[in-house]
Amino acid sequence: MNALLTSMGTQGTATGSSGSMTTTFITFGLIILIFYFLIIRPQKKRDKETKNMLASMKKGDKVVSIGGIRGTIVIVKETTVVVKVDDNTRIEFTKNAIAQILDRKAENGASAKTTKTEKADGKKETVEAPAKKKRGASSKAEPVEDAVVVEETPEPAEEPKDTKETK
């Protein structure tokens, strides 16, 4: 047995093994830290976000199930939700089967939003979305357009003067 240990390059002395033990512990510690920051921590964050999303579901939200079925929540129960898929079709899902919420009912009633984008040629473009019409509004109201595009045009640059001499 001693011959086997000697041929492997290990000695039975305390000084030789304490250095390798420290290196081993540092290596394992680094591996554990890498696993924590790359795998465990992001997964806990995703789980927390999913739990908050499922807890905040309410009637009128448009959702997608993990199977890809889209619909609007009609009833929210303790552990399940009833989703209206078509005019007369309702499906009951467990809350964990909801993958994401597409539209929130509260966000639909928000006022008109303005988005500004800058194009490559220096022009700025502003797109304004009109507020949604309420149901039951009078039929005499003017029709609402989809979006209004306002575009700024840059001022024309002065033309360079002709520097060539004429003969």
C-alpha atoms as a PDB file:
ATOM      1  CA  MET A   1       0.000   0.000   0.000  1.00  0.00           C
ATOM      2  CA  ASN A   2       2.881   2.355   0.878  1.00  0.00           C
ATOM      3  CA  ALA A   3       4.485   1.621  -2.478  1.00  0.00           C
ATOM      4  CA  LEU A   4       1.269   2.567  -4.273  1.00  0.00           C
ATOM      5  CA  LEU A   5       0.979   5.898  -2.426  1.00  0.00           C
ATOM      6  CA  THR A   6       4.652   6.651  -3.026  1.00  0.00           C
ATOM      7  CA  SER A   7       4.358   5.919  -6.747  1.00  0.00           C
ATOM      8  CA  MET A   8       1.356   8.301  -7.005  1.00  0.00           C
ATOM      9  CA  GLY A   9       3.466  11.092  -5.589  1.00  0.00           C
ATOM     10  CA  THR A  10       1.662  11.520  -2.297  1.00  0.00           C
ATOM     11  CA  GLN A  11       3.451  11.451   0.995  1.00  0.00           C
ATOM     12  CA  GLY A  12       1.983  10.710   4.385  1.00  0.00           C
ATOM     13  CA  THR A  13       3.280  13.973   5.849  1.00  0.00           C
ATOM     14  CA  ALA A  14       0.922  16.652   7.152  1.00  0.00           C
ATOM     15  CA  THR A  15       2.557  19.537   5.257  1.00  0.00           C
ATOM     16  CA  GLY A  16       1.999  18.030   1.818  1.00  0.00           C
ATOM     17  CA  SER A  17      -1.699  17.290   2.335  1.00  0.00           C
ATOM     18  CA  SER A  18      -2.692  20.593   3.980  1.00  0.00           C
ATOM     19  CA  GLY A  19      -1.727  22.601   0.900  1.00  0.00           C
ATOM     20  CA  SER A  20      -3.722  20.383  -1.428  1.00  0.00           C
ATOM     21  CA  MET A  21      -6.732  20.431   0.955  1.00  0.00           C
ATOM     22  CA  THR A  22      -6.782  24.242   0.905  1.00  0.00           C
ATOM     23  CA  THR A  23      -6.653  24.288  -2.890  1.00  0.00           C
ATOM     24  CA  THR A  24      -9.462  21.725  -3.048  1.00  0.00           C
ATOM     25  CA  PHE A  25     -11.705  23.739  -0.706  1.00  0.00           C
ATOM     26  CA  ILE A  26     -11.069  26.959  -2.645  1.00  0.00           C
ATOM     27  CA  THR A  27     -11.882  25.182  -5.921  1.00  0.00           C
ATOM     28  CA  PHE A  28     -15.121  23.739  -4.559  1.00  0.00           C
ATOM     29  CA  GLY A  29     -16.058  27.123  -3.099  1.00  0.00           C
ATOM     30  CA  LEU A  30     -15.570  28.819  -6.467  1.00  0.00           C
ATOM     31  CA  ILE A  31     -17.641  26.159  -8.231  1.00  0.00           C
ATOM     32  CA  ILE A  32     -20.461  26.613  -5.710  1.00  0.00           C
ATOM     33  CA  LEU A  33     -20.365  30.410  -6.212  1.00  0.00           C
ATOM     34  CA  ILE A  34     -20.479  30.017  -9.994  1.00  0.00           C
ATOM     35  CA  PHE A  35     -23.473  27.670  -9.752  1.00  0.00           C
ATOM     36  CA  TYR A  36     -25.242  30.072  -7.397  1.00  0.00           C
ATOM     37  CA  PHE A  37     -24.849  33.156  -9.597  1.00  0.00           C
ATOM     38  CA  LEU A  38     -25.397  31.435 -12.953  1.00  0.00           C
ATOM     39  CA  ILE A  39     -28.117  28.908 -12.129  1.00  0.00           C
ATOM     40  CA  ILE A  40     -29.738  29.139  -8.708  1.00  0.00           C
ATOM     41  CA  ARG A  41     -30.187  32.914  -8.340  1.00  0.00           C
ATOM     42  CA  PRO A  42     -31.723  33.554 -11.814  1.00  0.00           C
ATOM     43  CA  GLN A  43     -34.102  30.612 -11.365  1.00  0.00           C
ATOM     44  CA  LYS A  44     -35.302  31.964  -8.004  1.00  0.00           C
ATOM     45  CA  LYS A  45     -35.852  35.372  -9.625  1.00  0.00           C
ATOM     46  CA  ARG A  46     -37.927  33.829 -12.457  1.00  0.00           C
ATOM     47  CA  ASP A  47     -39.965  31.809  -9.964  1.00  0.00           C
ATOM     48  CA  LYS A  48     -40.708  34.935  -7.920  1.00  0.00           C
ATOM     49  CA  GLU A  49     -41.809  36.885 -11.037  1.00  0.00           C
ATOM     50  CA  THR A  50     -44.054  33.994 -12.129  1.00  0.00           C
ATOM     51  CA  LYS A  51     -45.611  33.743  -8.667  1.00  0.00           C
ATOM     52  CA  ASN A  52     -46.345  37.493  -8.653  1.00  0.00           C
ATOM     53  CA  MET A  53     -47.845  37.293 -12.171  1.00  0.00           C
ATOM     54  CA  LEU A  54     -50.123  34.401 -11.222  1.00  0.00           C
ATOM     55  CA  ALA A  55     -51.223  36.169  -8.028  1.00  0.00           C
ATOM     56  CA  SER A  56     -52.077  39.358  -9.940  1.00  0.00           C
ATOM     57  CA  MET A  57     -54.361  37.738 -12.532  1.00  0.00           C
ATOM     58  CA  LYS A  58     -57.829  39.238 -12.675  1.00  0.00           C
ATOM     59  CA  LYS A  59     -60.989  39.138 -14.744  1.00  0.00           C
ATOM     60  CA  GLY A  60     -60.541  40.637 -18.214  1.00  0.00           C
ATOM     61  CA  ASP A  61     -56.811  39.899 -18.609  1.00  0.00           C
ATOM     62  CA  LYS A  62     -55.797  38.309 -21.915  1.00  0.00           C
ATOM     63  CA  VAL A  63     -53.568  35.300 -21.268  1.00  0.00           C
ATOM     64  CA  VAL A  64     -51.676  32.507 -23.016  1.00  0.00           C
ATOM     65  CA  SER A  65     -51.527  29.003 -21.556  1.00  0.00           C
ATOM     66  CA  ILE A  66     -48.434  26.810 -21.605  1.00  0.00           C
ATOM     67  CA  GLY A  67     -50.082  24.906 -24.463  1.00  0.00           C
ATOM     68  CA  GLY A  68     -50.463  28.073 -26.528  1.00  0.00           C
ATOM     69  CA  ILE A  69     -54.196  28.610 -26.022  1.00  0.00           C
ATOM     70  CA  ARG A  70     -55.111  32.300 -25.947  1.00  0.00           C
ATOM     71  CA  GLY A  71     -58.143  33.735 -24.244  1.00  0.00           C
ATOM     72  CA  THR A  72     -59.613  36.192 -21.755  1.00  0.00           C
ATOM     73  CA  ILE A  73     -59.997  35.423 -18.060  1.00  0.00           C
ATOM     74  CA  VAL A  74     -63.658  35.250 -17.041  1.00  0.00           C
ATOM     75  CA  ILE A  75     -63.453  33.857 -13.505  1.00  0.00           C
ATOM     76  CA  VAL A  76     -60.520  33.705 -11.091  1.00  0.00           C
ATOM     77  CA  LYS A  77     -60.784  31.015  -8.436  1.00  0.00           C
ATOM     78  CA  GLU A  78     -58.365  30.059  -5.661  1.00  0.00           C
ATOM     79  CA  THR A  79     -56.290  27.582  -7.670  1.00  0.00           C
ATOM     80  CA  THR A  80     -57.869  27.773 -11.145  1.00  0.00           C
ATOM     81  CA  VAL A  81     -58.997  30.303 -13.744  1.00  0.00           C
ATOM     82  CA  VAL A  82     -61.748  30.050 -16.334  1.00  0.00           C
ATOM     83  CA  VAL A  83     -60.619  31.365 -19.719  1.00  0.00           C
ATOM     84  CA  LYS A  84     -63.031  32.385 -22.473  1.00  0.00           C
ATOM     85  CA  VAL A  85     -61.501  31.164 -25.723  1.00  0.00           C
ATOM     86  CA  ASP A  86     -64.361  31.790 -28.160  1.00  0.00           C
ATOM     87  CA  ASP A  87     -67.906  33.156 -27.950  1.00  0.00           C
ATOM     88  CA  ASN A  88     -69.348  30.040 -26.287  1.00  0.00           C
ATOM     89  CA  THR A  89     -66.166  28.219 -25.279  1.00  0.00           C
ATOM     90  CA  ARG A  90     -64.742  28.398 -21.779  1.00  0.00           C
ATOM     91  CA  ILE A  91     -61.843  26.328 -20.475  1.00  0.00           C
ATOM     92  CA  GLU A  92     -60.769  25.937 -16.861  1.00  0.00           C
ATOM     93  CA  PHE A  93     -57.005  25.927 -16.244  1.00  0.00           C
ATOM     94  CA  THR A  94     -54.945  25.624 -13.112  1.00  0.00           C
ATOM     95  CA  LYS A  95     -53.145  28.903 -12.427  1.00  0.00           C
ATOM     96  CA  ASN A  96     -49.781  27.246 -13.036  1.00  0.00           C
ATOM     97  CA  ALA A  97     -50.849  26.462 -16.625  1.00  0.00           C
ATOM     98  CA  ILE A  98     -50.865  30.175 -17.531  1.00  0.00           C
ATOM     99  CA  ALA A  99     -47.571  31.071 -19.229  1.00  0.00           C
ATOM    100  CA  GLN A 100     -48.005  34.820 -19.617  1.00  0.00           C
ATOM    101  CA  ILE A 101     -50.437  37.707 -19.442  1.00  0.00           C
ATOM    102  CA  LEU A 102     -50.678  39.530 -22.795  1.00  0.00           C
ATOM    103  CA  ASP A 103     -52.957  42.476 -22.017  1.00  0.00           C
ATOM    104  CA  ARG A 104     -54.029  43.764 -18.677  1.00  0.00           C
ATOM    105  CA  LYS A 105     -57.496  45.220 -18.382  1.00  0.00           C
ATOM    106  CA  ALA A 106     -56.190  48.258 -16.456  1.00  0.00           C
ATOM    107  CA  GLU A 107     -53.631  49.069 -19.161  1.00  0.00           C
ATOM    108  CA  ASN A 108     -56.261  49.150 -21.918  1.00  0.00           C
ATOM    109  CA  GLY A 109     -58.034  52.136 -20.370  1.00  0.00           C
ATOM    110  CA  ALA A 110     -54.862  54.197 -20.233  1.00  0.00           C
ATOM    111  CA  SER A 111     -54.739  57.553 -21.994  1.00  0.00           C
ATOM    112  CA  ALA A 112     -53.126  58.073 -25.374  1.00  0.00           C
ATOM    113  CA  LYS A 113     -49.438  57.246 -25.507  1.00  0.00           C
ATOM    114  CA  THR A 114     -46.795  59.142 -27.426  1.00  0.00           C
ATOM    115  CA  THR A 115     -43.747  57.437 -28.882  1.00  0.00           C
ATOM    116  CA  LYS A 116     -40.778  59.286 -30.354  1.00  0.00           C
ATOM    117  CA  THR A 117     -38.228  57.623 -32.556  1.00  0.00           C
ATOM    118  CA  GLU A 118     -35.232  59.108 -34.276  1.00  0.00           C
ATOM    119  CA  LYS A 119     -34.466  57.958 -37.791  1.00  0.00           C
ATOM    120  CA  ALA A 120     -30.991  57.526 -39.226  1.00  0.00           C
ATOM    121  CA  ASP A 121     -31.262  60.663 -41.355  1.00  0.00           C
ATOM    122  CA  GLY A 122     -31.835  62.865 -38.295  1.00  0.00           C
ATOM    123  CA  LYS A 123     -35.624  63.230 -38.627  1.00  0.00           C
ATOM    124  CA  LYS A 124     -37.741  62.709 -35.542  1.00  0.00           C
ATOM    125  CA  GLU A 125     -41.023  60.918 -35.858  1.00  0.00           C
ATOM    126  CA  THR A 126     -43.816  61.141 -33.317  1.00  0.00           C
ATOM    127  CA  VAL A 127     -46.609  58.602 -33.289  1.00  0.00           C
ATOM    128  CA  GLU A 128     -49.630  59.285 -31.137  1.00  0.00           C
ATOM    129  CA  ALA A 129     -52.144  56.555 -30.395  1.00  0.00           C
ATOM    130  CA  PRO A 130     -55.684  57.855 -29.865  1.00  0.00           C
ATOM    131  CA  ALA A 131     -57.660  57.009 -26.747  1.00  0.00           C
ATOM    132  CA  LYS A 132     -60.013  54.057 -27.131  1.00  0.00           C
ATOM    133  CA  LYS A 133     -63.711  54.758 -27.712  1.00  0.00           C
ATOM    134  CA  LYS A 134     -66.005  53.758 -24.894  1.00  0.00           C
ATOM    135  CA  ARG A 135     -68.847  51.408 -25.740  1.00  0.00           C
ATOM    136  CA  GLY A 136     -72.236  52.987 -25.961  1.00  0.00           C
ATOM    137  CA  ALA A 137     -70.865  56.300 -27.196  1.00  0.00           C
ATOM    138  CA  SER A 138     -73.145  58.289 -29.466  1.00  0.00           C
ATOM    139  CA  SER A 139     -73.029  57.391 -33.144  1.00  0.00           C
ATOM    140  CA  LYS A 140     -72.593  61.078 -34.077  1.00  0.00           C
ATOM    141  CA  ALA A 141     -69.020  61.088 -32.766  1.00  0.00           C
ATOM    142  CA  GLU A 142     -66.270  61.445 -35.329  1.00  0.00           C
ATOM    143  CA  PRO A 143     -64.458  58.252 -36.317  1.00  0.00           C
ATOM    144  CA  VAL A 144     -61.113  57.714 -34.609  1.00  0.00           C
ATOM    145  CA  GLU A 145     -58.096  57.085 -36.823  1.00  0.00           C
ATOM    146  CA  ASP A 146     -55.565  54.387 -35.973  1.00  0.00           C
ATOM    147  CA  ALA A 147     -52.573  56.659 -35.487  1.00  0.00           C
ATOM    148  CA  VAL A 148     -51.384  60.134 -36.337  1.00  0.00           C
ATOM    149  CA  VAL A 149     -47.849  60.487 -37.676  1.00  0.00           C
ATOM    150  CA  VAL A 150     -46.145  63.831 -37.185  1.00  0.00           C
ATOM    151  CA  GLU A 151     -42.822  64.230 -38.929  1.00  0.00           C
ATOM    152  CA  GLU A 152     -40.230  66.963 -38.533  1.00  0.00           C
ATOM    153  CA  THR A 153     -38.238  67.811 -41.609  1.00  0.00           C
ATOM    154  CA  PRO A 154     -34.725  69.172 -41.204  1.00  0.00           C
ATOM    155  CA  GLU A 155     -33.988  72.646 -42.452  1.00  0.00           C
ATOM    156  CA  PRO A 156     -32.358  72.651 -45.899  1.00  0.00           C
ATOM    157  CA  ALA A 157     -28.608  73.057 -45.741  1.00  0.00           C
ATOM    158  CA  GLU A 158     -27.025  75.978 -47.551  1.00  0.00           C
ATOM    159  CA  GLU A 159     -25.427  75.060 -50.843  1.00  0.00           C
ATOM    160  CA  PRO A 160     -21.673  75.581 -50.973  1.00  0.00           C
ATOM    161  CA  LYS A 161     -20.496  78.512 -53.045  1.00  0.00           C
ATOM    162  CA  ASP A 162     -18.819  77.791 -56.349  1.00  0.00           C
ATOM    163  CA  THR A 163     -15.067  78.143 -55.715  1.00  0.00           C
ATOM    164  CA  LYS A 164     -13.912  77.377 -59.258  1.00  0.00           C
ATOM    165  CA  GLU A 165     -12.459  80.238 -61.167  1.00  0.00           C
ATOM    166  CA  THR A 166     -13.728  80.817 -64.640  1.00  0.00           C
ATOM    167  CA  LYS A 167     -11.259  81.533 -67.462  1.00  0.00           C
END
